[in-house]
């Protein structure tokens, strides 16, 4: 684990909290480049009525707009939950340098698929604040079932 991983994951958790307040599945993401947050996103599928409006997709769009280019090779995305296959493929095409995520997603995560959907040069670290990240999503769905 890098020294700033928890700090940046807390920023992603703040994004997830915004999604939760908007009654969206509470997943948040930020993209960091050279120690600066250049993109933020949280799930907005309900608000935008768009199945592709996942936190990672919103953050990638924000980051590429900030940088003025489509590639994020020297950047790290921090996302509270393991990316789904769609988001993993988008991160492949954006050539993201690193993916750091909190909670695993054994039902819909990209790691269910082999070979990997990620760019071969992408570095992955997982489990950063995993309990906190996972609890947010679990609580959301538990409350929905009440």
Protein backbone atom coordinates (compact mmCIF):
# COMPACT_ATOMS: atom_id res chain seq x y z
CA UNK A 1 0.00 0.00 0.00
CA UNK A 2 1.27 3.45 -0.88
CA UNK A 3 1.23 6.12 1.80
CA UNK A 4 -1.52 8.21 0.16
CA UNK A 5 -3.87 5.32 -0.65
CA UNK A 6 -6.08 5.79 2.42
CA UNK A 7 -6.20 9.56 1.95
CA UNK A 8 -7.38 9.25 -1.65
CA UNK A 9 -9.76 6.38 -0.88
CA UNK A 10 -11.41 8.65 1.71
CA UNK A 11 -11.97 11.15 -1.11
CA UNK A 12 -13.58 8.38 -3.17
CA UNK A 13 -15.72 7.50 -0.13
CA UNK A 14 -16.91 11.12 -0.02
CA UNK A 15 -18.04 10.70 -3.63
CA UNK A 16 -19.78 7.45 -2.69
CA UNK A 17 -21.52 9.31 0.13
CA UNK A 18 -22.85 11.82 -2.40
CA UNK A 19 -24.25 8.95 -4.47
CA UNK A 20 -25.87 7.53 -1.32
CA UNK A 21 -27.49 10.90 -0.55
CA UNK A 22 -28.85 10.92 -4.12
CA UNK A 23 -30.29 7.40 -3.60
CA UNK A 24 -27.78 5.94 -6.07
CA UNK A 25 -25.71 2.81 -5.42
CA UNK A 26 -22.95 4.34 -3.27
CA UNK A 27 -19.83 3.93 -5.36
CA UNK A 28 -17.34 6.75 -5.72
CA UNK A 29 -14.16 7.28 -7.70
CA UNK A 30 -11.42 9.86 -8.03
CA UNK A 31 -8.48 10.05 -10.41
CA UNK A 32 -5.13 11.34 -9.22
CA UNK A 33 -2.26 12.49 -11.42
CA UNK A 34 1.02 13.78 -9.99
CA UNK A 35 -0.49 14.16 -6.53
CA UNK A 36 -3.49 16.18 -7.74
CA UNK A 37 -7.11 15.06 -8.02
CA UNK A 38 -8.05 15.64 -11.67
CA UNK A 39 -11.34 13.77 -11.85
CA UNK A 40 -14.22 12.83 -9.58
CA UNK A 41 -17.31 10.74 -10.03
CA UNK A 42 -20.05 8.84 -8.28
CA UNK A 43 -22.81 6.66 -9.59
CA UNK A 44 -25.43 8.69 -11.44
CA UNK A 45 -27.35 5.98 -13.28
CA UNK A 46 -30.72 6.92 -11.79
CA UNK A 47 -30.24 10.67 -12.01
CA UNK A 48 -29.12 10.55 -15.64
CA UNK A 49 -31.30 7.56 -16.57
CA UNK A 50 -28.14 6.07 -18.07
CA UNK A 51 -26.93 2.54 -17.30
CA UNK A 52 -23.35 3.57 -18.18
CA UNK A 53 -23.15 6.46 -15.68
CA UNK A 54 -20.97 4.57 -13.21
CA UNK A 55 -18.57 6.39 -10.90
CA UNK A 56 -15.52 5.31 -12.89
CA UNK A 57 -16.99 6.46 -16.20
CA UNK A 58 -17.86 9.88 -14.78
CA UNK A 59 -14.38 10.20 -13.24
CA UNK A 60 -12.62 9.21 -16.49
CA UNK A 61 -14.60 11.79 -18.46
CA UNK A 62 -13.76 14.44 -15.88
CA UNK A 63 -10.05 13.54 -15.81
CA UNK A 64 -9.59 13.40 -19.57
CA UNK A 65 -11.32 16.74 -19.88
CA UNK A 66 -8.97 18.19 -17.25
CA UNK A 67 -5.90 16.80 -19.02
CA UNK A 68 -7.13 17.55 -22.54
CA UNK A 69 -6.35 14.04 -23.75
CA UNK A 70 -7.85 10.55 -23.69
CA UNK A 71 -5.02 8.64 -22.01
CA UNK A 72 -4.46 8.38 -18.27
CA UNK A 73 -1.21 6.38 -18.27
CA UNK A 74 0.37 8.32 -15.40
CA UNK A 75 -2.80 8.41 -13.32
CA UNK A 76 -4.37 6.34 -10.56
CA UNK A 77 -8.07 5.75 -10.10
CA UNK A 78 -9.32 5.16 -6.58
CA UNK A 79 -12.71 3.49 -6.56
CA UNK A 80 -14.63 2.23 -3.55
CA UNK A 81 -15.76 -1.02 -5.18
CA UNK A 82 -14.07 -3.30 -7.71
CA UNK A 83 -14.88 -2.05 -11.22
CA UNK A 84 -17.43 -3.91 -13.29
CA UNK A 85 -16.42 -5.30 -16.70
CA UNK A 86 -17.71 -2.20 -18.52
CA UNK A 87 -15.66 0.13 -16.35
CA UNK A 88 -12.60 -2.13 -16.52
CA UNK A 89 -12.78 -2.04 -20.31
CA UNK A 90 -13.11 1.76 -20.26
CA UNK A 91 -10.06 1.93 -17.98
CA UNK A 92 -8.25 -0.30 -20.47
CA UNK A 93 -9.01 2.11 -23.33
CA UNK A 94 -8.00 5.09 -21.18
CA UNK A 95 -4.75 3.24 -20.41
CA UNK A 96 -5.06 4.01 -16.70
CA UNK A 97 -1.76 3.49 -14.93
CA UNK A 98 -3.11 2.15 -11.64
CA UNK A 99 -6.39 1.00 -10.18
CA UNK A 100 -6.83 1.05 -6.42
CA UNK A 101 -10.11 -0.25 -5.08
CA UNK A 102 -11.66 -0.94 -1.71
CA UNK A 103 -14.24 -3.73 -1.63
CA UNK A 104 -14.32 -6.75 -3.91
CA UNK A 105 -17.45 -7.34 -6.01
CA UNK A 106 -17.71 -11.13 -6.32
CA UNK A 107 -21.01 -10.92 -8.25
CA UNK A 108 -20.26 -8.25 -10.85
CA UNK A 109 -16.56 -7.38 -10.62
CA UNK A 110 -14.16 -7.54 -13.55
CA UNK A 111 -12.01 -10.20 -11.85
CA UNK A 112 -14.68 -12.78 -12.68
CA UNK A 113 -13.44 -12.67 -16.27
CA UNK A 114 -10.30 -14.19 -17.62
CA UNK A 115 -8.13 -13.12 -19.27
CA UNK A 116 -8.11 -9.76 -17.57
CA UNK A 117 -10.08 -6.91 -19.10
CA UNK A 118 -7.39 -4.45 -18.01
CA UNK A 119 -4.46 -3.06 -19.97
CA UNK A 120 -1.41 -5.31 -19.38
CA UNK A 121 0.58 -2.39 -17.93
CA UNK A 122 -2.11 -1.42 -15.40
CA UNK A 123 -1.12 -2.02 -11.78
CA UNK A 124 -3.91 -3.06 -9.39
CA UNK A 125 -4.03 -2.73 -5.61
CA UNK A 126 -7.09 -3.74 -3.67
CA UNK A 127 -8.48 -3.88 -0.16
CA UNK A 128 -7.87 -0.23 0.77
CA UNK A 129 -10.48 0.60 3.43
CA UNK A 130 -12.33 -2.48 2.17
CA UNK A 131 -14.60 -2.87 5.20
CA UNK A 132 -15.73 0.74 5.09
CA UNK A 133 -16.26 0.66 1.33
CA UNK A 134 -18.14 -2.64 1.44
CA UNK A 135 -20.30 -1.63 4.39
CA UNK A 136 -21.56 1.44 2.55
CA UNK A 137 -22.89 -0.69 -0.32
CA UNK A 138 -24.21 -3.45 1.97
CA UNK A 139 -26.09 -0.94 4.12
CA UNK A 140 -27.57 0.70 1.01
CA UNK A 141 -29.04 -2.58 -0.26
CA UNK A 142 -30.11 -3.70 3.22
CA UNK A 143 -32.10 -0.46 3.58
CA UNK A 144 -33.64 -0.96 0.13
CA UNK A 145 -34.98 -4.39 1.17
CA UNK A 146 -36.73 -3.04 4.28
